[in-house]
């Protein structure tokens, strides 16, 4: 399924800004991710819950996993302030993640050569409702089936059109023969 609303493209552009923060390496992609929750309903105002990029923290970490970890680290007071609610005790991140939309510059991984848990599995486990993807993962390292895995688990997958070349160019920074994008 494709989707091209201006708001969705803006969140993907924010994910691209995250990807550009990533330290390039010849053996992995530079990916960015933004987790968005719409409040008070799925059609409500969008709030950025967390952002992440590949290798943001030590341990060969991926963008989606880093964004999920940051969201899970939010305190009740931070959630209360973010959503302007009076009773933070009624809020928990796991419930919010079930209403989250994921904006990622590249298809979430379905296999990790490092042995770490794949991002598609982490997003499924978190119960996110939709995943907006800028570009499919090329077969440079592994054959990725993240979008299919998400769909099979009931996550709505949306392919955003218009930024594929930029997403791929940023992702491949540091690879031999790749763009020298800065």
N, C-alpha and C. Protein backbone atom coordinates (compact mmCIF):
# COMPACT_ATOMS: atom_id res chain seq x y z
N UNK A 1 0.85 -1.18 0.00
CA UNK A 1 0.00 0.00 0.00
C UNK A 1 0.90 1.24 0.00
N UNK A 2 0.50 2.26 -0.75
CA UNK A 2 1.29 3.49 -0.76
C UNK A 2 0.48 4.63 -0.14
N UNK A 3 1.20 5.58 0.35
CA UNK A 3 0.58 6.74 0.97
C UNK A 3 1.52 7.93 0.78
N UNK A 4 0.97 9.08 0.46
CA UNK A 4 1.84 10.21 0.15
C UNK A 4 1.32 11.52 0.74
N UNK A 5 0.75 11.51 1.92
CA UNK A 5 0.28 12.77 2.47
C UNK A 5 1.48 13.63 2.86
N UNK A 6 1.29 14.93 2.84
CA UNK A 6 2.36 15.85 3.21
C UNK A 6 2.86 15.59 4.62
N UNK A 7 1.96 15.30 5.54
CA UNK A 7 2.35 15.06 6.94
C UNK A 7 3.23 13.82 7.03
N UNK A 8 2.84 12.77 6.30
CA UNK A 8 3.64 11.55 6.32
C UNK A 8 5.03 11.79 5.73
N UNK A 9 5.09 12.52 4.64
CA UNK A 9 6.39 12.83 4.04
C UNK A 9 7.25 13.69 4.97
N UNK A 10 6.62 14.57 5.74
CA UNK A 10 7.37 15.40 6.69
C UNK A 10 7.98 14.52 7.79
N UNK A 11 7.23 13.53 8.28
CA UNK A 11 7.81 12.64 9.30
C UNK A 11 8.93 11.79 8.70
N UNK A 12 8.80 11.40 7.43
CA UNK A 12 9.89 10.66 6.79
C UNK A 12 11.11 11.56 6.62
N UNK A 13 10.90 12.82 6.31
CA UNK A 13 12.03 13.76 6.23
C UNK A 13 12.72 13.89 7.60
N UNK A 14 11.94 13.87 8.68
CA UNK A 14 12.54 13.91 10.01
C UNK A 14 13.37 12.65 10.25
N UNK A 15 12.87 11.51 9.77
CA UNK A 15 13.64 10.27 9.89
C UNK A 15 14.93 10.36 9.08
N UNK A 16 14.87 11.01 7.92
CA UNK A 16 16.08 11.21 7.11
C UNK A 16 17.11 12.05 7.87
N UNK A 17 16.65 13.07 8.58
CA UNK A 17 17.57 13.87 9.39
C UNK A 17 18.25 13.01 10.44
N UNK A 18 17.52 12.07 11.00
CA UNK A 18 18.11 11.13 11.97
C UNK A 18 19.14 10.26 11.28
N UNK A 19 18.82 9.74 10.11
CA UNK A 19 19.74 8.86 9.37
C UNK A 19 21.04 9.58 9.05
N UNK A 20 20.96 10.87 8.78
CA UNK A 20 22.16 11.65 8.45
C UNK A 20 23.09 11.82 9.65
N UNK A 21 22.60 11.56 10.85
CA UNK A 21 23.44 11.63 12.06
C UNK A 21 24.28 10.36 12.23
N UNK A 22 23.93 9.33 11.51
CA UNK A 22 24.54 8.01 11.65
C UNK A 22 25.98 8.01 11.16
N UNK A 23 26.85 7.38 11.92
CA UNK A 23 28.25 7.20 11.51
C UNK A 23 28.30 6.16 10.40
N UNK A 24 28.76 6.54 9.20
CA UNK A 24 28.80 5.58 8.09
C UNK A 24 29.78 4.44 8.34
N UNK A 25 29.45 3.29 7.80
CA UNK A 25 30.30 2.12 7.87
C UNK A 25 30.07 1.31 6.59
N UNK A 26 31.08 0.63 6.08
CA UNK A 26 30.90 -0.12 4.84
C UNK A 26 30.08 -1.39 5.00
N UNK A 27 29.79 -1.79 6.22
CA UNK A 27 29.11 -3.07 6.43
C UNK A 27 27.69 -2.95 6.95
N UNK A 28 27.13 -1.73 6.95
CA UNK A 28 25.76 -1.55 7.43
C UNK A 28 25.17 -0.28 6.82
N UNK A 29 23.86 -0.17 6.89
CA UNK A 29 23.15 0.98 6.36
C UNK A 29 23.01 2.06 7.43
N UNK A 30 22.85 3.31 6.98
CA UNK A 30 22.54 4.44 7.84
C UNK A 30 21.04 4.69 7.74
N UNK A 31 20.32 4.41 8.81
CA UNK A 31 18.86 4.46 8.81
C UNK A 31 18.38 5.37 9.93
N UNK A 32 17.27 6.06 9.69
CA UNK A 32 16.65 6.90 10.71
C UNK A 32 15.21 6.48 10.93
N UNK A 33 14.71 6.75 12.14
CA UNK A 33 13.36 6.34 12.51
C UNK A 33 12.73 7.39 13.42
N UNK A 34 11.43 7.60 13.23
CA UNK A 34 10.64 8.47 14.10
C UNK A 34 9.38 7.71 14.50
N UNK A 35 9.11 7.65 15.80
CA UNK A 35 7.88 7.04 16.33
C UNK A 35 6.88 8.15 16.62
N UNK A 36 5.68 8.03 16.05
CA UNK A 36 4.66 9.06 16.17
C UNK A 36 3.39 8.45 16.76
N UNK A 37 2.82 9.16 17.72
CA UNK A 37 1.53 8.77 18.30
C UNK A 37 0.54 9.87 18.00
N UNK A 38 -0.62 9.49 17.52
CA UNK A 38 -1.69 10.47 17.27
C UNK A 38 -2.63 10.45 18.47
N UNK A 39 -2.96 11.65 18.96
CA UNK A 39 -3.75 11.77 20.19
C UNK A 39 -4.88 12.75 20.00
N UNK A 40 -6.05 12.53 20.52
CA UNK A 40 -6.44 11.43 21.40
C UNK A 40 -6.97 10.21 20.66
N UNK A 41 -6.94 10.22 19.33
CA UNK A 41 -7.43 9.09 18.55
C UNK A 41 -6.48 8.89 17.37
N UNK A 42 -6.63 7.80 16.62
CA UNK A 42 -5.76 7.58 15.46
C UNK A 42 -5.82 8.71 14.42
N UNK A 43 -6.85 9.51 14.46
CA UNK A 43 -6.96 10.63 13.53
C UNK A 43 -6.55 11.95 14.19
N UNK A 44 -6.13 11.89 15.45
CA UNK A 44 -5.81 13.10 16.21
C UNK A 44 -4.47 13.71 15.85
N UNK A 45 -4.08 14.70 16.63
CA UNK A 45 -2.82 15.40 16.41
C UNK A 45 -1.64 14.46 16.63
N UNK A 46 -0.65 14.51 15.74
CA UNK A 46 0.52 13.64 15.90
C UNK A 46 1.55 14.25 16.86
N UNK A 47 2.11 13.39 17.70
CA UNK A 47 3.18 13.76 18.61
C UNK A 47 4.36 12.83 18.37
N UNK A 48 5.55 13.36 18.26
CA UNK A 48 6.73 12.52 18.13
C UNK A 48 7.06 11.95 19.51
N UNK A 49 6.99 10.65 19.62
CA UNK A 49 7.27 9.97 20.87
C UNK A 49 8.78 9.78 21.05
N UNK A 50 9.47 9.40 19.97
CA UNK A 50 10.92 9.19 20.05
C UNK A 50 11.51 9.13 18.64
N UNK A 51 12.83 9.33 18.58
CA UNK A 51 13.58 9.26 17.33
C UNK A 51 14.79 8.38 17.56
N UNK A 52 15.32 7.84 16.47
CA UNK A 52 16.53 7.04 16.61
C UNK A 52 17.24 6.90 15.27
N UNK A 53 18.52 6.54 15.34
CA UNK A 53 19.28 6.26 14.13
C UNK A 53 20.23 5.10 14.39
N UNK A 54 20.66 4.48 13.32
CA UNK A 54 21.55 3.32 13.42
C UNK A 54 22.85 3.68 14.11
N UNK A 55 23.30 2.77 14.97
CA UNK A 55 24.56 2.91 15.71
C UNK A 55 24.58 4.14 16.62
N UNK A 56 23.41 4.61 16.99
CA UNK A 56 23.32 5.77 17.89
C UNK A 56 23.91 5.44 19.26
N UNK A 57 23.70 4.23 19.70
CA UNK A 57 24.29 3.75 20.95
C UNK A 57 25.17 2.55 20.61
N UNK A 58 26.15 2.26 21.46
CA UNK A 58 27.07 1.15 21.17
C UNK A 58 26.33 -0.19 21.02
N UNK A 59 26.95 -1.06 20.22
CA UNK A 59 26.41 -2.40 20.10
C UNK A 59 25.77 -2.70 18.76
N UNK A 60 26.14 -2.02 17.69
CA UNK A 60 25.58 -2.25 16.36
C UNK A 60 24.06 -2.13 16.38
N UNK A 61 23.56 -1.11 17.02
CA UNK A 61 22.12 -0.92 17.18
C UNK A 61 21.50 -0.32 15.92
N UNK A 62 20.24 -0.63 15.72
CA UNK A 62 19.50 -0.14 14.56
C UNK A 62 18.54 0.97 14.96
N UNK A 63 18.13 1.75 13.97
CA UNK A 63 17.30 2.94 14.20
C UNK A 63 16.00 2.64 14.94
N UNK A 64 15.27 1.64 14.47
CA UNK A 64 13.97 1.34 15.07
C UNK A 64 14.13 0.88 16.52
N UNK A 65 15.13 0.03 16.77
CA UNK A 65 15.36 -0.45 18.13
C UNK A 65 15.75 0.71 19.05
N UNK A 66 16.56 1.64 18.55
CA UNK A 66 16.96 2.79 19.36
C UNK A 66 15.77 3.69 19.68
N UNK A 67 14.90 3.92 18.69
CA UNK A 67 13.71 4.75 18.94
C UNK A 67 12.80 4.07 19.96
N UNK A 68 12.62 2.77 19.85
CA UNK A 68 11.79 2.05 20.83
C UNK A 68 12.40 2.14 22.23
N UNK A 69 13.71 1.99 22.33
CA UNK A 69 14.37 2.09 23.64
C UNK A 69 14.20 3.48 24.25
N UNK A 70 14.33 4.51 23.43
CA UNK A 70 14.13 5.87 23.93
C UNK A 70 12.69 6.09 24.39
N UNK A 71 11.74 5.57 23.63
CA UNK A 71 10.33 5.71 24.04
C UNK A 71 10.10 5.02 25.37
N UNK A 72 10.65 3.84 25.52
CA UNK A 72 10.46 3.07 26.75
C UNK A 72 11.16 3.70 27.95
N UNK A 73 12.11 4.59 27.70
CA UNK A 73 12.83 5.26 28.78
C UNK A 73 12.12 6.53 29.25
N UNK A 74 11.04 6.93 28.57
CA UNK A 74 10.31 8.14 28.97
C UNK A 74 9.64 7.94 30.32
N UNK A 75 9.74 8.95 31.17
CA UNK A 75 9.11 8.88 32.49
C UNK A 75 7.63 9.27 32.39
N UNK A 76 6.88 8.98 33.42
CA UNK A 76 5.47 9.36 33.47
C UNK A 76 5.33 10.88 33.36
N UNK A 77 6.22 11.62 34.02
CA UNK A 77 6.16 13.08 33.95
C UNK A 77 6.43 13.58 32.53
N UNK A 78 7.38 12.95 31.84
CA UNK A 78 7.66 13.34 30.45
C UNK A 78 6.45 13.07 29.55
N UNK A 79 5.81 11.92 29.76
CA UNK A 79 4.62 11.59 28.96
C UNK A 79 3.49 12.56 29.25
N UNK A 80 3.31 12.90 30.51
CA UNK A 80 2.26 13.84 30.91
C UNK A 80 2.48 15.19 30.22
N UNK A 81 3.71 15.66 30.23
CA UNK A 81 4.02 16.95 29.60
C UNK A 81 3.86 16.87 28.08
N UNK A 82 4.27 15.78 27.50
CA UNK A 82 4.21 15.61 26.05
C UNK A 82 2.77 15.67 25.54
N UNK A 83 1.87 15.01 26.27
CA UNK A 83 0.48 14.93 25.83
C UNK A 83 -0.45 15.86 26.58
N UNK A 84 0.13 16.67 27.48
CA UNK A 84 -0.64 17.66 28.23
C UNK A 84 -1.84 17.03 28.95
N UNK A 85 -1.54 16.00 29.74
CA UNK A 85 -2.58 15.33 30.52
C UNK A 85 -2.28 15.52 32.01
N UNK A 86 -3.33 15.48 32.81
CA UNK A 86 -3.19 15.73 34.24
C UNK A 86 -2.82 14.49 35.05
N UNK A 87 -3.15 13.32 34.53
CA UNK A 87 -2.96 12.11 35.33
C UNK A 87 -1.94 11.19 34.66
N UNK A 88 -0.64 11.45 34.86
CA UNK A 88 0.37 10.64 34.19
C UNK A 88 0.33 9.17 34.59
N UNK A 89 -0.23 8.87 35.77
CA UNK A 89 -0.27 7.47 36.19
C UNK A 89 -1.15 6.62 35.27
N UNK A 90 -2.01 7.28 34.49
CA UNK A 90 -2.86 6.54 33.55
C UNK A 90 -2.12 6.22 32.25
N UNK A 91 -0.92 6.72 32.12
CA UNK A 91 -0.17 6.56 30.88
C UNK A 91 0.93 5.54 31.05
N UNK A 92 1.15 4.75 30.02
CA UNK A 92 2.35 3.93 29.98
C UNK A 92 2.77 3.79 28.52
N UNK A 93 4.05 3.71 28.33
CA UNK A 93 4.61 3.71 26.98
C UNK A 93 4.13 2.51 26.18
N UNK A 94 4.03 1.36 26.81
CA UNK A 94 3.61 0.17 26.06
C UNK A 94 2.21 0.35 25.45
N UNK A 95 1.32 1.01 26.18
CA UNK A 95 -0.01 1.29 25.62
C UNK A 95 0.08 2.28 24.46
N UNK A 96 0.93 3.30 24.61
CA UNK A 96 1.10 4.28 23.54
C UNK A 96 1.69 3.64 22.29
N UNK A 97 2.63 2.73 22.47
CA UNK A 97 3.25 2.08 21.31
C UNK A 97 2.23 1.31 20.47
N UNK A 98 1.18 0.84 21.09
CA UNK A 98 0.13 0.11 20.36
C UNK A 98 -0.64 1.05 19.42
N UNK A 99 -0.47 2.35 19.61
CA UNK A 99 -1.11 3.36 18.74
C UNK A 99 -0.09 4.08 17.88
N UNK A 100 1.16 3.61 17.91
CA UNK A 100 2.24 4.32 17.24
C UNK A 100 2.33 4.02 15.75
N UNK A 101 2.76 5.02 15.02
CA UNK A 101 3.16 4.89 13.63
C UNK A 101 4.68 5.02 13.59
N UNK A 102 5.31 4.17 12.83
CA UNK A 102 6.75 4.17 12.67
C UNK A 102 7.08 4.75 11.31
N UNK A 103 7.97 5.72 11.27
CA UNK A 103 8.47 6.28 10.01
C UNK A 103 9.94 5.91 9.94
N UNK A 104 10.30 5.10 8.97
CA UNK A 104 11.67 4.64 8.86
C UNK A 104 12.17 4.81 7.43
N UNK A 105 13.42 5.24 7.31
CA UNK A 105 13.95 5.53 5.99
C UNK A 105 14.16 4.26 5.17
N UNK A 106 14.31 3.12 5.84
CA UNK A 106 14.52 1.85 5.14
C UNK A 106 13.70 0.76 5.81
N UNK A 107 13.28 -0.18 5.01
CA UNK A 107 12.50 -1.32 5.49
C UNK A 107 13.15 -1.92 6.74
N UNK A 108 12.37 -2.13 7.80
CA UNK A 108 12.93 -2.73 9.01
C UNK A 108 13.51 -4.12 8.73
N UNK A 109 14.66 -4.39 9.33
CA UNK A 109 15.35 -5.65 9.06
C UNK A 109 14.54 -6.85 9.57
N UNK A 110 14.69 -7.96 8.85
CA UNK A 110 14.04 -9.20 9.25
C UNK A 110 15.06 -10.23 9.72
N UNK A 111 16.33 -9.92 9.52
CA UNK A 111 17.41 -10.80 9.94
C UNK A 111 18.61 -9.92 10.29
N UNK A 112 19.35 -10.33 11.30
CA UNK A 112 20.54 -9.59 11.72
C UNK A 112 21.74 -10.53 11.66
N UNK A 113 22.75 -10.16 10.90
CA UNK A 113 23.96 -10.99 10.82
C UNK A 113 24.72 -10.97 12.15
N UNK A 114 24.46 -9.95 12.98
CA UNK A 114 25.11 -9.84 14.29
C UNK A 114 24.50 -10.77 15.33
N UNK A 115 23.34 -11.33 15.01
CA UNK A 115 22.66 -12.19 15.97
C UNK A 115 21.69 -11.45 16.87
N UNK A 116 21.66 -10.11 16.78
CA UNK A 116 20.70 -9.32 17.57
C UNK A 116 19.30 -9.50 17.00
N UNK A 117 18.30 -9.16 17.79
CA UNK A 117 16.91 -9.31 17.35
C UNK A 117 16.61 -8.36 16.19
N UNK A 118 15.92 -8.85 15.16
CA UNK A 118 15.55 -8.00 14.02
C UNK A 118 14.56 -6.90 14.43
N UNK A 119 14.66 -5.77 13.75
CA UNK A 119 13.77 -4.64 14.05
C UNK A 119 12.31 -4.96 13.75
N UNK A 120 12.05 -5.73 12.69
CA UNK A 120 10.66 -6.10 12.40
C UNK A 120 10.06 -6.82 13.60
N UNK A 121 10.82 -7.73 14.22
CA UNK A 121 10.34 -8.44 15.40
C UNK A 121 10.08 -7.49 16.57
N UNK A 122 10.98 -6.53 16.76
CA UNK A 122 10.82 -5.56 17.86
C UNK A 122 9.57 -4.71 17.67
N UNK A 123 9.31 -4.29 16.43
CA UNK A 123 8.12 -3.48 16.15
C UNK A 123 6.85 -4.31 16.33
N UNK A 124 6.89 -5.57 15.92
CA UNK A 124 5.73 -6.46 16.10
C UNK A 124 5.48 -6.67 17.59
N UNK A 125 6.54 -6.92 18.34
CA UNK A 125 6.42 -7.14 19.78
C UNK A 125 5.86 -5.90 20.48
N UNK A 126 6.25 -4.71 20.01
CA UNK A 126 5.75 -3.46 20.60
C UNK A 126 4.28 -3.23 20.24
N UNK A 127 3.81 -3.87 19.18
CA UNK A 127 2.41 -3.74 18.79
C UNK A 127 2.10 -2.49 18.00
N UNK A 128 3.10 -1.91 17.32
CA UNK A 128 2.83 -0.69 16.55
C UNK A 128 1.74 -0.97 15.52
N UNK A 129 1.01 0.10 15.14
CA UNK A 129 -0.11 -0.13 14.24
C UNK A 129 0.24 0.04 12.77
N UNK A 130 1.16 0.98 12.47
CA UNK A 130 1.53 1.20 11.07
C UNK A 130 3.03 1.45 10.96
N UNK A 131 3.57 1.09 9.78
CA UNK A 131 4.98 1.34 9.50
C UNK A 131 5.07 1.99 8.12
N UNK A 132 5.56 3.23 8.09
CA UNK A 132 5.76 3.98 6.86
C UNK A 132 7.23 3.84 6.46
N UNK A 133 7.48 3.38 5.24
CA UNK A 133 8.83 3.03 4.82
C UNK A 133 9.24 3.89 3.62
N UNK A 134 10.46 4.43 3.67
CA UNK A 134 10.98 5.25 2.59
C UNK A 134 11.49 4.45 1.41
N UNK A 135 12.19 3.33 1.69
CA UNK A 135 12.76 2.50 0.62
C UNK A 135 12.95 1.09 1.16
N UNK A 136 12.79 0.11 0.27
CA UNK A 136 13.05 -1.27 0.65
C UNK A 136 14.53 -1.50 0.88
N UNK A 137 14.86 -2.45 1.74
CA UNK A 137 16.27 -2.75 1.99
C UNK A 137 16.84 -3.51 0.81
N UNK A 138 17.91 -2.98 0.19
CA UNK A 138 18.54 -3.70 -0.92
C UNK A 138 19.21 -4.98 -0.40
N UNK A 139 19.51 -5.89 -1.30
CA UNK A 139 20.12 -7.16 -0.93
C UNK A 139 21.63 -7.07 -0.75
N UNK A 140 22.15 -5.91 -0.33
CA UNK A 140 23.59 -5.72 -0.16
C UNK A 140 24.18 -6.71 0.85
N UNK A 141 23.47 -6.99 1.93
CA UNK A 141 24.00 -7.82 3.00
C UNK A 141 23.16 -9.08 3.24
N UNK A 142 21.86 -8.92 3.26
CA UNK A 142 20.94 -10.04 3.48
C UNK A 142 19.68 -9.81 2.64
N UNK A 143 18.88 -10.84 2.48
CA UNK A 143 17.59 -10.67 1.82
C UNK A 143 16.59 -10.28 2.91
N UNK A 144 16.11 -9.06 2.85
CA UNK A 144 15.20 -8.54 3.87
C UNK A 144 13.76 -8.86 3.53
N UNK A 145 13.03 -9.32 4.52
CA UNK A 145 11.60 -9.58 4.38
C UNK A 145 10.83 -8.90 5.50
N UNK A 146 11.38 -7.75 5.96
CA UNK A 146 10.77 -7.05 7.09
C UNK A 146 9.35 -6.59 6.83
N UNK A 147 9.09 -6.01 5.65
CA UNK A 147 7.74 -5.53 5.35
C UNK A 147 6.75 -6.68 5.34
N UNK A 148 7.13 -7.79 4.73
CA UNK A 148 6.24 -8.96 4.71
C UNK A 148 5.99 -9.49 6.11
N UNK A 149 7.02 -9.52 6.92
CA UNK A 149 6.89 -10.00 8.30
C UNK A 149 5.92 -9.11 9.09
N UNK A 150 6.06 -7.79 8.91
CA UNK A 150 5.16 -6.85 9.58
C UNK A 150 3.71 -7.07 9.14
N UNK A 151 3.51 -7.18 7.82
CA UNK A 151 2.15 -7.39 7.29
C UNK A 151 1.54 -8.67 7.85
N UNK A 152 2.31 -9.74 7.86
CA UNK A 152 1.80 -11.03 8.36
C UNK A 152 1.40 -10.94 9.83
N UNK A 153 2.02 -10.03 10.57
CA UNK A 153 1.70 -9.86 11.99
C UNK A 153 0.56 -8.86 12.21
N UNK A 154 0.02 -8.30 11.12
CA UNK A 154 -1.11 -7.38 11.25
C UNK A 154 -0.73 -5.91 11.31
N UNK A 155 0.54 -5.58 11.09
CA UNK A 155 0.97 -4.18 11.06
C UNK A 155 0.70 -3.66 9.64
N UNK A 156 0.05 -2.52 9.55
CA UNK A 156 -0.20 -1.92 8.24
C UNK A 156 1.10 -1.31 7.73
N UNK A 157 1.52 -1.72 6.54
CA UNK A 157 2.76 -1.23 5.95
C UNK A 157 2.43 -0.26 4.83
N UNK A 158 3.03 0.91 4.90
CA UNK A 158 2.80 1.96 3.90
C UNK A 158 4.14 2.33 3.26
N UNK A 159 4.21 2.26 1.94
CA UNK A 159 5.41 2.66 1.20
C UNK A 159 5.23 4.10 0.78
N UNK A 160 6.05 4.99 1.31
CA UNK A 160 5.97 6.39 0.94
C UNK A 160 6.77 6.63 -0.34
N UNK A 161 6.20 7.39 -1.24
CA UNK A 161 6.83 7.66 -2.53
C UNK A 161 7.40 9.07 -2.56
N UNK A 162 8.54 9.21 -3.24
CA UNK A 162 9.11 10.54 -3.45
C UNK A 162 10.48 10.76 -2.86
N UNK A 163 10.85 9.97 -1.85
CA UNK A 163 12.16 10.17 -1.21
C UNK A 163 13.03 8.92 -1.29
N UNK A 164 12.68 7.98 -2.16
CA UNK A 164 13.40 6.72 -2.24
C UNK A 164 14.89 6.92 -2.53
N UNK A 165 15.21 7.74 -3.53
CA UNK A 165 16.62 7.93 -3.90
C UNK A 165 17.41 8.56 -2.76
N UNK A 166 16.84 9.54 -2.07
CA UNK A 166 17.55 10.16 -0.95
C UNK A 166 17.71 9.17 0.20
N UNK A 167 16.67 8.40 0.48
CA UNK A 167 16.77 7.39 1.55
C UNK A 167 17.89 6.40 1.25
N UNK A 168 17.97 5.94 0.00
CA UNK A 168 18.99 4.97 -0.38
C UNK A 168 20.39 5.60 -0.38
N UNK A 169 20.49 6.83 -0.84
CA UNK A 169 21.79 7.53 -0.86
C UNK A 169 22.33 7.71 0.56
N UNK A 170 21.47 8.14 1.46
CA UNK A 170 21.89 8.32 2.86
C UNK A 170 22.23 6.96 3.47
N UNK A 171 21.43 5.96 3.19
CA UNK A 171 21.65 4.62 3.75
C UNK A 171 23.00 4.04 3.37
N UNK A 172 23.43 4.30 2.15
CA UNK A 172 24.66 3.69 1.64
C UNK A 172 25.91 4.54 1.86
N UNK A 173 25.81 5.61 2.62
CA UNK A 173 27.01 6.40 2.92
C UNK A 173 28.07 5.50 3.53
N UNK A 174 29.31 5.63 3.05
CA UNK A 174 30.40 4.83 3.58
C UNK A 174 30.62 3.53 2.85
N UNK A 175 29.73 3.18 1.92
CA UNK A 175 29.92 1.95 1.15
C UNK A 175 30.80 2.24 -0.04
N UNK A 176 31.59 1.27 -0.47
CA UNK A 176 32.43 1.46 -1.66
C UNK A 176 31.58 1.80 -2.86
N UNK A 177 31.99 2.84 -3.59
CA UNK A 177 31.28 3.23 -4.79
C UNK A 177 29.96 3.93 -4.52
N UNK A 178 29.70 4.24 -3.26
CA UNK A 178 28.43 4.88 -2.94
C UNK A 178 28.56 6.39 -3.00
N UNK A 179 27.46 7.02 -2.81
CA UNK A 179 27.40 8.48 -2.81
C UNK A 179 28.28 9.02 -1.68
N UNK A 180 28.84 10.17 -1.90
CA UNK A 180 29.62 10.83 -0.85
C UNK A 180 28.76 11.84 -0.12
N UNK A 181 27.48 11.55 -0.01
CA UNK A 181 26.51 12.44 0.63
C UNK A 181 26.98 12.85 2.01
N UNK A 182 26.88 14.13 2.31
CA UNK A 182 27.25 14.63 3.65
C UNK A 182 26.08 15.32 4.27
